[in-house]
Amino acid sequence: MLLKRLEAYGFKSFADRTEIEFDKGITAIVGPNGTGKSNITDAIRWVLGEQNVRSLRADKTEDVIFTGSSQRRALNAAEVCLTFD
């Protein structure tokens, strides 16, 4: 079973609907600090049923929902979908 796609909306730093395709040959996700790399693994763990919010680097369950910024209002829900092959 291979993870083919991740779709996230409102989960942590993913304020906009974000889609990531995991094509053959993907071995790492790289980028500058603070761009959401760890939030990708947190989203996968959350969807697969992680119950301990501390494992998702949060203090309370509500912390997985996008809390807003100076340019964007906070959201009231988080959604993550995984597609496996």
PDB file of N, CA and C in Angstrom:
ATOM      1  N   MET A   1       0.849  -1.168   0.000  1.00  0.00           N
ATOM      2  CA  MET A   1       0.000   0.000   0.000  1.00  0.00           C
ATOM      3  C   MET A   1       0.903   1.242   0.000  1.00  0.00           C
ATOM      4  N   LEU A   2       0.632   2.135  -0.926  1.00  0.00           N
ATOM      5  CA  LEU A   2       1.419   3.363  -1.074  1.00  0.00           C
ATOM      6  C   LEU A   2       0.534   4.587  -0.879  1.00  0.00           C
ATOM      7  N   LEU A   3       1.070   5.576  -0.182  1.00  0.00           N
ATOM      8  CA  LEU A   3       0.377   6.854  -0.061  1.00  0.00           C
ATOM      9  C   LEU A   3       0.542   7.602  -1.378  1.00  0.00           C
ATOM     10  N   LYS A   4      -0.577   7.913  -2.018  1.00  0.00           N
ATOM     11  CA  LYS A   4      -0.537   8.577  -3.320  1.00  0.00           C
ATOM     12  C   LYS A   4      -0.802  10.082  -3.231  1.00  0.00           C
ATOM     13  N   ARG A   5      -1.657  10.482  -2.267  1.00  0.00           N
ATOM     14  CA  ARG A   5      -2.093  11.877  -2.261  1.00  0.00           C
ATOM     15  C   ARG A   5      -2.525  12.295  -0.860  1.00  0.00           C
ATOM     16  N   LEU A   6      -2.242  13.532  -0.526  1.00  0.00           N
ATOM     17  CA  LEU A   6      -2.713  14.130   0.721  1.00  0.00           C
ATOM     18  C   LEU A   6      -3.428  15.423   0.363  1.00  0.00           C
ATOM     19  N   GLU A   7      -4.617  15.605   0.914  1.00  0.00           N
ATOM     20  CA  GLU A   7      -5.364  16.855   0.747  1.00  0.00           C
ATOM     21  C   GLU A   7      -5.631  17.390   2.148  1.00  0.00           C
ATOM     22  N   ALA A   8      -5.296  18.651   2.399  1.00  0.00           N
ATOM     23  CA  ALA A   8      -5.497  19.253   3.715  1.00  0.00           C
ATOM     24  C   ALA A   8      -6.127  20.626   3.567  1.00  0.00           C
ATOM     25  N   TYR A   9      -7.021  20.933   4.488  1.00  0.00           N
ATOM     26  CA  TYR A   9      -7.656  22.245   4.524  1.00  0.00           C
ATOM     27  C   TYR A   9      -7.935  22.599   5.988  1.00  0.00           C
ATOM     28  N   GLY A  10      -7.354  23.683   6.453  1.00  0.00           N
ATOM     29  CA  GLY A  10      -7.603  24.130   7.814  1.00  0.00           C
ATOM     30  C   GLY A  10      -6.803  23.401   8.871  1.00  0.00           C
ATOM     31  N   PHE A  11      -5.912  22.506   8.469  1.00  0.00           N
ATOM     32  CA  PHE A  11      -5.094  21.762   9.430  1.00  0.00           C
ATOM     33  C   PHE A  11      -3.793  22.513   9.662  1.00  0.00           C
ATOM     34  N   LYS A  12      -3.594  22.965  10.887  1.00  0.00           N
ATOM     35  CA  LYS A  12      -2.396  23.702  11.299  1.00  0.00           C
ATOM     36  C   LYS A  12      -2.067  24.826  10.321  1.00  0.00           C
ATOM     37  N   SER A  13      -0.977  24.744   9.572  1.00  0.00           N
ATOM     38  CA  SER A  13      -0.559  25.838   8.691  1.00  0.00           C
ATOM     39  C   SER A  13      -1.223  25.798   7.313  1.00  0.00           C
ATOM     40  N   PHE A  14      -2.056  24.810   7.050  1.00  0.00           N
ATOM     41  CA  PHE A  14      -2.692  24.681   5.733  1.00  0.00           C
ATOM     42  C   PHE A  14      -4.028  25.421   5.708  1.00  0.00           C
ATOM     43  N   ALA A  15      -3.986  26.742   5.667  1.00  0.00           N
ATOM     44  CA  ALA A  15      -5.204  27.547   5.650  1.00  0.00           C
ATOM     45  C   ALA A  15      -5.944  27.391   4.325  1.00  0.00           C
ATOM     46  N   ASP A  16      -5.207  27.299   3.232  1.00  0.00           N
ATOM     47  CA  ASP A  16      -5.807  27.068   1.917  1.00  0.00           C
ATOM     48  C   ASP A  16      -5.860  25.575   1.659  1.00  0.00           C
ATOM     49  N   ARG A  17      -6.760  25.172   0.780  1.00  0.00           N
ATOM     50  CA  ARG A  17      -6.803  23.764   0.393  1.00  0.00           C
ATOM     51  C   ARG A  17      -5.472  23.425  -0.281  1.00  0.00           C
ATOM     52  N   THR A  18      -4.794  22.421   0.262  1.00  0.00           N
ATOM     53  CA  THR A  18      -3.472  22.022  -0.218  1.00  0.00           C
ATOM     54  C   THR A  18      -3.515  20.580  -0.667  1.00  0.00           C
ATOM     55  N   GLU A  19      -2.970  20.303  -1.838  1.00  0.00           N
ATOM     56  CA  GLU A  19      -2.920  18.937  -2.363  1.00  0.00           C
ATOM     57  C   GLU A  19      -1.469  18.586  -2.661  1.00  0.00           C
ATOM     58  N   ILE A  20      -1.050  17.431  -2.140  1.00  0.00           N
ATOM     59  CA  ILE A  20       0.315  16.955  -2.380  1.00  0.00           C
ATOM     60  C   ILE A  20       0.229  15.579  -3.005  1.00  0.00           C
ATOM     61  N   GLU A  21       0.811  15.428  -4.183  1.00  0.00           N
ATOM     62  CA  GLU A  21       0.866  14.140  -4.874  1.00  0.00           C
ATOM     63  C   GLU A  21       2.194  13.467  -4.537  1.00  0.00           C
ATOM     64  N   PHE A  22       2.142  12.240  -4.084  1.00  0.00           N
ATOM     65  CA  PHE A  22       3.351  11.478  -3.784  1.00  0.00           C
ATOM     66  C   PHE A  22       3.600  10.507  -4.941  1.00  0.00           C
ATOM     67  N   ASP A  23       4.302  10.990  -5.956  1.00  0.00           N
ATOM     68  CA  ASP A  23       4.614  10.157  -7.115  1.00  0.00           C
ATOM     69  C   ASP A  23       5.737   9.192  -6.770  1.00  0.00           C
ATOM     70  N   LYS A  24       5.963   8.237  -7.647  1.00  0.00           N
ATOM     71  CA  LYS A  24       7.072   7.301  -7.446  1.00  0.00           C
ATOM     72  C   LYS A  24       8.370   8.084  -7.360  1.00  0.00           C
ATOM     73  N   GLY A  25       9.234   7.664  -6.455  1.00  0.00           N
ATOM     74  CA  GLY A  25      10.536   8.293  -6.325  1.00  0.00           C
ATOM     75  C   GLY A  25      10.616   9.378  -5.262  1.00  0.00           C
ATOM     76  N   ILE A  26       9.502   9.731  -4.633  1.00  0.00           N
ATOM     77  CA  ILE A  26       9.556  10.732  -3.558  1.00  0.00           C
ATOM     78  C   ILE A  26      10.165  10.069  -2.328  1.00  0.00           C
ATOM     79  N   THR A  27      11.268  10.611  -1.847  1.00  0.00           N
ATOM     80  CA  THR A  27      11.919  10.045  -0.664  1.00  0.00           C
ATOM     81  C   THR A  27      12.039  11.047   0.470  1.00  0.00           C
ATOM     82  N   ALA A  28      11.826  12.324   0.199  1.00  0.00           N
ATOM     83  CA  ALA A  28      11.961  13.337   1.240  1.00  0.00           C
ATOM     84  C   ALA A  28      11.157  14.578   0.873  1.00  0.00           C
ATOM     85  N   ILE A  29      10.801  15.330   1.896  1.00  0.00           N
ATOM     86  CA  ILE A  29      10.169  16.629   1.711  1.00  0.00           C
ATOM     87  C   ILE A  29      11.110  17.635   2.341  1.00  0.00           C
ATOM     88  N   VAL A  30      11.566  18.589   1.548  1.00  0.00           N
ATOM     89  CA  VAL A  30      12.542  19.568   2.035  1.00  0.00           C
ATOM     90  C   VAL A  30      12.000  20.981   1.852  1.00  0.00           C
ATOM     91  N   GLY A  31      12.512  21.896   2.665  1.00  0.00           N
ATOM     92  CA  GLY A  31      12.128  23.293   2.555  1.00  0.00           C
ATOM     93  C   GLY A  31      12.636  24.062   3.752  1.00  0.00           C
ATOM     94  N   PRO A  32      12.507  25.382   3.716  1.00  0.00           N
ATOM     95  CA  PRO A  32      12.974  26.217   4.818  1.00  0.00           C
ATOM     96  C   PRO A  32      12.196  25.948   6.110  1.00  0.00           C
ATOM     97  N   ASN A  33      12.790  26.364   7.219  1.00  0.00           N
ATOM     98  CA  ASN A  33      12.113  26.245   8.507  1.00  0.00           C
ATOM     99  C   ASN A  33      10.802  27.024   8.492  1.00  0.00           C
ATOM    100  N   GLY A  34       9.785  26.456   9.143  1.00  0.00           N
ATOM    101  CA  GLY A  34       8.509  27.143   9.278  1.00  0.00           C
ATOM    102  C   GLY A  34       7.595  27.056   8.079  1.00  0.00           C
ATOM    103  N   THR A  35       7.868  26.165   7.128  1.00  0.00           N
ATOM    104  CA  THR A  35       7.029  26.078   5.930  1.00  0.00           C
ATOM    105  C   THR A  35       6.008  24.950   5.977  1.00  0.00           C
ATOM    106  N   GLY A  36       5.990  24.152   7.060  1.00  0.00           N
ATOM    107  CA  GLY A  36       4.947  23.139   7.205  1.00  0.00           C
ATOM    108  C   GLY A  36       5.363  21.710   6.919  1.00  0.00           C
ATOM    109  N   LYS A  37       6.641  21.437   6.817  1.00  0.00           N
ATOM    110  CA  LYS A  37       7.088  20.062   6.533  1.00  0.00           C
ATOM    111  C   LYS A  37       6.605  19.098   7.615  1.00  0.00           C
ATOM    112  N   SER A  38       6.787  19.445   8.865  1.00  0.00           N
ATOM    113  CA  SER A  38       6.350  18.572   9.966  1.00  0.00           C
ATOM    114  C   SER A  38       4.832  18.468  10.027  1.00  0.00           C
ATOM    115  N   ASN A  39       4.135  19.510   9.576  1.00  0.00           N
ATOM    116  CA  ASN A  39       2.675  19.470   9.581  1.00  0.00           C
ATOM    117  C   ASN A  39       2.133  18.437   8.596  1.00  0.00           C
ATOM    118  N   ILE A  40       2.914  18.103   7.577  1.00  0.00           N
ATOM    119  CA  ILE A  40       2.508  17.047   6.645  1.00  0.00           C
ATOM    120  C   ILE A  40       2.469  15.709   7.375  1.00  0.00           C
ATOM    121  N   THR A  41       3.509  15.403   8.131  1.00  0.00           N
ATOM    122  CA  THR A  41       3.510  14.135   8.877  1.00  0.00           C
ATOM    123  C   THR A  41       2.478  14.162   9.990  1.00  0.00           C
ATOM    124  N   ASP A  42       2.269  15.315  10.622  1.00  0.00           N
ATOM    125  CA  ASP A  42       1.224  15.416  11.646  1.00  0.00           C
ATOM    126  C   ASP A  42      -0.150  15.158  11.041  1.00  0.00           C
ATOM    127  N   ALA A  43      -0.401  15.667   9.846  1.00  0.00           N
ATOM    128  CA  ALA A  43      -1.693  15.456   9.178  1.00  0.00           C
ATOM    129  C   ALA A  43      -1.912  13.976   8.881  1.00  0.00           C
ATOM    130  N   ILE A  44      -0.882  13.301   8.432  1.00  0.00           N
ATOM    131  CA  ILE A  44      -0.996  11.869   8.143  1.00  0.00           C
ATOM    132  C   ILE A  44      -1.300  11.106   9.428  1.00  0.00           C
ATOM    133  N   ARG A  45      -0.576  11.397  10.488  1.00  0.00           N
ATOM    134  CA  ARG A  45      -0.804  10.715  11.765  1.00  0.00           C
ATOM    135  C   ARG A  45      -2.202  10.992  12.296  1.00  0.00           C
ATOM    136  N   TRP A  46      -2.686  12.229  12.154  1.00  0.00           N
ATOM    137  CA  TRP A  46      -4.011  12.618  12.646  1.00  0.00           C
ATOM    138  C   TRP A  46      -5.113  11.829  11.939  1.00  0.00           C
ATOM    139  N   VAL A  47      -4.985  11.740  10.621  1.00  0.00           N
ATOM    140  CA  VAL A  47      -5.992  11.015   9.834  1.00  0.00           C
ATOM    141  C   VAL A  47      -5.982   9.517  10.147  1.00  0.00           C
ATOM    142  N   LEU A  48      -4.816   8.995  10.457  1.00  0.00           N
ATOM    143  CA  LEU A  48      -4.709   7.570  10.775  1.00  0.00           C
ATOM    144  C   LEU A  48      -5.118   7.265  12.218  1.00  0.00           C
ATOM    145  N   GLY A  49      -5.542   8.294  12.959  1.00  0.00           N
ATOM    146  CA  GLY A  49      -6.143   8.053  14.264  1.00  0.00           C
ATOM    147  C   GLY A  49      -5.324   8.412  15.478  1.00  0.00           C
ATOM    148  N   GLU A  50      -4.282   9.191  15.331  1.00  0.00           N
ATOM    149  CA  GLU A  50      -3.493   9.588  16.508  1.00  0.00           C
ATOM    150  C   GLU A  50      -4.397  10.311  17.505  1.00  0.00           C
ATOM    151  N   GLN A  51      -4.436   9.851  18.732  1.00  0.00           N
ATOM    152  CA  GLN A  51      -5.298  10.422  19.762  1.00  0.00           C
ATOM    153  C   GLN A  51      -4.554  11.382  20.692  1.00  0.00           C
ATOM    154  N   ASN A  52      -3.251  11.229  20.818  1.00  0.00           N
ATOM    155  CA  ASN A  52      -2.460  12.052  21.726  1.00  0.00           C
ATOM    156  C   ASN A  52      -2.058  13.339  21.004  1.00  0.00           C
ATOM    157  N   VAL A  53      -2.677  14.462  21.379  1.00  0.00           N
ATOM    158  CA  VAL A  53      -2.386  15.720  20.679  1.00  0.00           C
ATOM    159  C   VAL A  53      -0.947  16.176  20.897  1.00  0.00           C
ATOM    160  N   ARG A  54      -0.324  15.763  21.968  1.00  0.00           N
ATOM    161  CA  ARG A  54       1.089  16.096  22.183  1.00  0.00           C
ATOM    162  C   ARG A  54       1.958  15.464  21.099  1.00  0.00           C
ATOM    163  N   SER A  55       1.567  14.285  20.606  1.00  0.00           N
ATOM    164  CA  SER A  55       2.293  13.633  19.515  1.00  0.00           C
ATOM    165  C   SER A  55       2.169  14.418  18.217  1.00  0.00           C
ATOM    166  N   LEU A  56       1.138  15.249  18.140  1.00  0.00           N
ATOM    167  CA  LEU A  56       0.927  16.098  16.962  1.00  0.00           C
ATOM    168  C   LEU A  56       1.469  17.504  17.188  1.00  0.00           C
ATOM    169  N   ARG A  57       2.307  17.658  18.218  1.00  0.00           N
ATOM    170  CA  ARG A  57       2.922  18.935  18.556  1.00  0.00           C
ATOM    171  C   ARG A  57       1.871  20.003  18.838  1.00  0.00           C
ATOM    172  N   ALA A  58       0.866  19.627  19.647  1.00  0.00           N
ATOM    173  CA  ALA A  58      -0.205  20.547  20.031  1.00  0.00           C
ATOM    174  C   ALA A  58      -0.467  20.406  21.532  1.00  0.00           C
ATOM    175  N   ASP A  59      -1.041  21.438  22.122  1.00  0.00           N
ATOM    176  CA  ASP A  59      -1.379  21.391  23.546  1.00  0.00           C
ATOM    177  C   ASP A  59      -2.800  20.907  23.779  1.00  0.00           C
ATOM    178  N   LYS A  60      -3.702  21.248  22.857  1.00  0.00           N
ATOM    179  CA  LYS A  60      -5.090  20.799  22.968  1.00  0.00           C
ATOM    180  C   LYS A  60      -5.616  20.488  21.572  1.00  0.00           C
ATOM    181  N   THR A  61      -6.698  19.752  21.502  1.00  0.00           N
ATOM    182  CA  THR A  61      -7.241  19.294  20.222  1.00  0.00           C
ATOM    183  C   THR A  61      -7.493  20.452  19.253  1.00  0.00           C
ATOM    184  N   GLU A  62      -7.969  21.578  19.758  1.00  0.00           N
ATOM    185  CA  GLU A  62      -8.279  22.729  18.899  1.00  0.00           C
ATOM    186  C   GLU A  62      -7.040  23.296  18.211  1.00  0.00           C
ATOM    187  N   ASP A  63      -5.850  22.967  18.710  1.00  0.00           N
ATOM    188  CA  ASP A  63      -4.612  23.502  18.131  1.00  0.00           C
ATOM    189  C   ASP A  63      -4.299  22.932  16.749  1.00  0.00           C
ATOM    190  N   VAL A  64      -4.984  21.902  16.306  1.00  0.00           N
ATOM    191  CA  VAL A  64      -4.732  21.379  14.962  1.00  0.00           C
ATOM    192  C   VAL A  64      -5.512  22.158  13.903  1.00  0.00           C
ATOM    193  N   ILE A  65      -6.398  23.054  14.326  1.00  0.00           N
ATOM    194  CA  ILE A  65      -7.173  23.883  13.395  1.00  0.00           C
ATOM    195  C   ILE A  65      -6.440  25.207  13.189  1.00  0.00           C
ATOM    196  N   PHE A  66      -6.365  25.668  11.942  1.00  0.00           N
ATOM    197  CA  PHE A  66      -5.693  26.929  11.609  1.00  0.00           C
ATOM    198  C   PHE A  66      -6.251  28.056  12.481  1.00  0.00           C
ATOM    199  N   THR A  67      -5.367  28.734  13.212  1.00  0.00           N
ATOM    200  CA  THR A  67      -5.789  29.732  14.195  1.00  0.00           C
ATOM    201  C   THR A  67      -5.826  31.158  13.675  1.00  0.00           C
ATOM    202  N   GLY A  68      -5.480  31.351  12.424  1.00  0.00           N
ATOM    203  CA  GLY A  68      -5.533  32.688  11.851  1.00  0.00           C
ATOM    204  C   GLY A  68      -4.173  33.369  11.857  1.00  0.00           C
ATOM    205  N   SER A  69      -4.110  34.482  11.184  1.00  0.00           N
ATOM    206  CA  SER A  69      -2.889  35.290  11.115  1.00  0.00           C
ATOM    207  C   SER A  69      -3.309  36.748  10.953  1.00  0.00           C
ATOM    208  N   SER A  70      -2.340  37.618  10.789  1.00  0.00           N
ATOM    209  CA  SER A  70      -2.674  39.030  10.622  1.00  0.00           C
ATOM    210  C   SER A  70      -3.412  39.296   9.305  1.00  0.00           C
ATOM    211  N   GLN A  71      -3.224  38.414   8.312  1.00  0.00           N
ATOM    212  CA  GLN A  71      -3.891  38.592   7.018  1.00  0.00           C
ATOM    213  C   GLN A  71      -5.104  37.690   6.818  1.00  0.00           C
ATOM    214  N   ARG A  72      -5.278  36.663   7.690  1.00  0.00           N
ATOM    215  CA  ARG A  72      -6.361  35.692   7.477  1.00  0.00           C
ATOM    216  C   ARG A  72      -7.102  35.439   8.769  1.00  0.00           C
ATOM    217  N   ARG A  73      -8.400  35.218   8.648  1.00  0.00           N
ATOM    218  CA  ARG A  73      -9.179  34.889   9.834  1.00  0.00           C
ATOM    219  C   ARG A  73      -8.995  33.408  10.177  1.00  0.00           C
ATOM    220  N   ALA A  74      -9.260  33.069  11.415  1.00  0.00           N
ATOM    221  CA  ALA A  74      -9.161  31.675  11.867  1.00  0.00           C
ATOM    222  C   ALA A  74     -10.262  30.841  11.213  1.00  0.00           C
ATOM    223  N   LEU A  75     -10.014  29.561  11.065  1.00  0.00           N
ATOM    224  CA  LEU A  75     -11.015  28.637  10.541  1.00  0.00           C
ATOM    225  C   LEU A  75     -11.642  27.877  11.704  1.00  0.00           C
ATOM    226  N   ASN A  76     -12.794  27.274  11.477  1.00  0.00           N
ATOM    227  CA  ASN A  76     -13.468  26.556  12.557  1.00  0.00           C
ATOM    228  C   ASN A  76     -13.486  25.045  12.355  1.00  0.00           C
ATOM    229  N   ALA A  77     -12.745  24.563  11.363  1.00  0.00           N
ATOM    230  CA  ALA A  77     -12.694  23.121  11.115  1.00  0.00           C
ATOM    231  C   ALA A  77     -11.397  22.778  10.393  1.00  0.00           C
ATOM    232  N   ALA A  78     -10.990  21.538  10.529  1.00  0.00           N
ATOM    233  CA  ALA A  78      -9.815  21.032   9.815  1.00  0.00           C
ATOM    234  C   ALA A  78     -10.223  19.765   9.083  1.00  0.00           C
ATOM    235  N   GLU A  79      -9.659  19.581   7.905  1.00  0.00           N
ATOM    236  CA  GLU A  79      -9.985  18.412   7.081  1.00  0.00           C
ATOM    237  C   GLU A  79      -8.703  17.887   6.445  1.00  0.00           C
ATOM    238  N   VAL A  80      -8.499  16.596   6.528  1.00  0.00           N
ATOM    239  CA  VAL A  80      -7.366  15.944   5.879  1.00  0.00           C
ATOM    240  C   VAL A  80      -7.876  14.667   5.229  1.00  0.00           C
ATOM    241  N   CYS A  81      -7.540  14.460   3.961  1.00  0.00           N
ATOM    242  CA  CYS A  81      -7.910  13.236   3.243  1.00  0.00           C
ATOM    243  C   CYS A  81      -6.649  12.605   2.682  1.00  0.00           C
ATOM    244  N   LEU A  82      -6.543  11.291   2.811  1.00  0.00           N
ATOM    245  CA  LEU A  82      -5.434  10.535   2.255  1.00  0.00           C
ATOM    246  C   LEU A  82      -5.955   9.600   1.189  1.00  0.00           C
ATOM    247  N   THR A  83      -5.180   9.413   0.123  1.00  0.00           N
ATOM    248  CA  THR A  83      -5.504   8.447  -0.913  1.00  0.00           C
ATOM    249  C   THR A  83      -4.368   7.440  -0.987  1.00  0.00           C
ATOM    250  N   PHE A  84      -4.720   6.159  -0.860  1.00  0.00           N
ATOM    251  CA  PHE A  84      -3.740   5.086  -0.930  1.00  0.00           C
ATOM    252  C   PHE A  84      -3.965   4.275  -2.185  1.00  0.00           C
ATOM    253  N   ASP A  85      -2.898   3.647  -2.665  1.00  0.00           N
ATOM    254  CA  ASP A  85      -2.978   2.753  -3.824  1.00  0.00           C
ATOM    255  C   ASP A  85      -2.506   1.390  -3.372  1.00  0.00           C
TER     256      ASP A  85
END
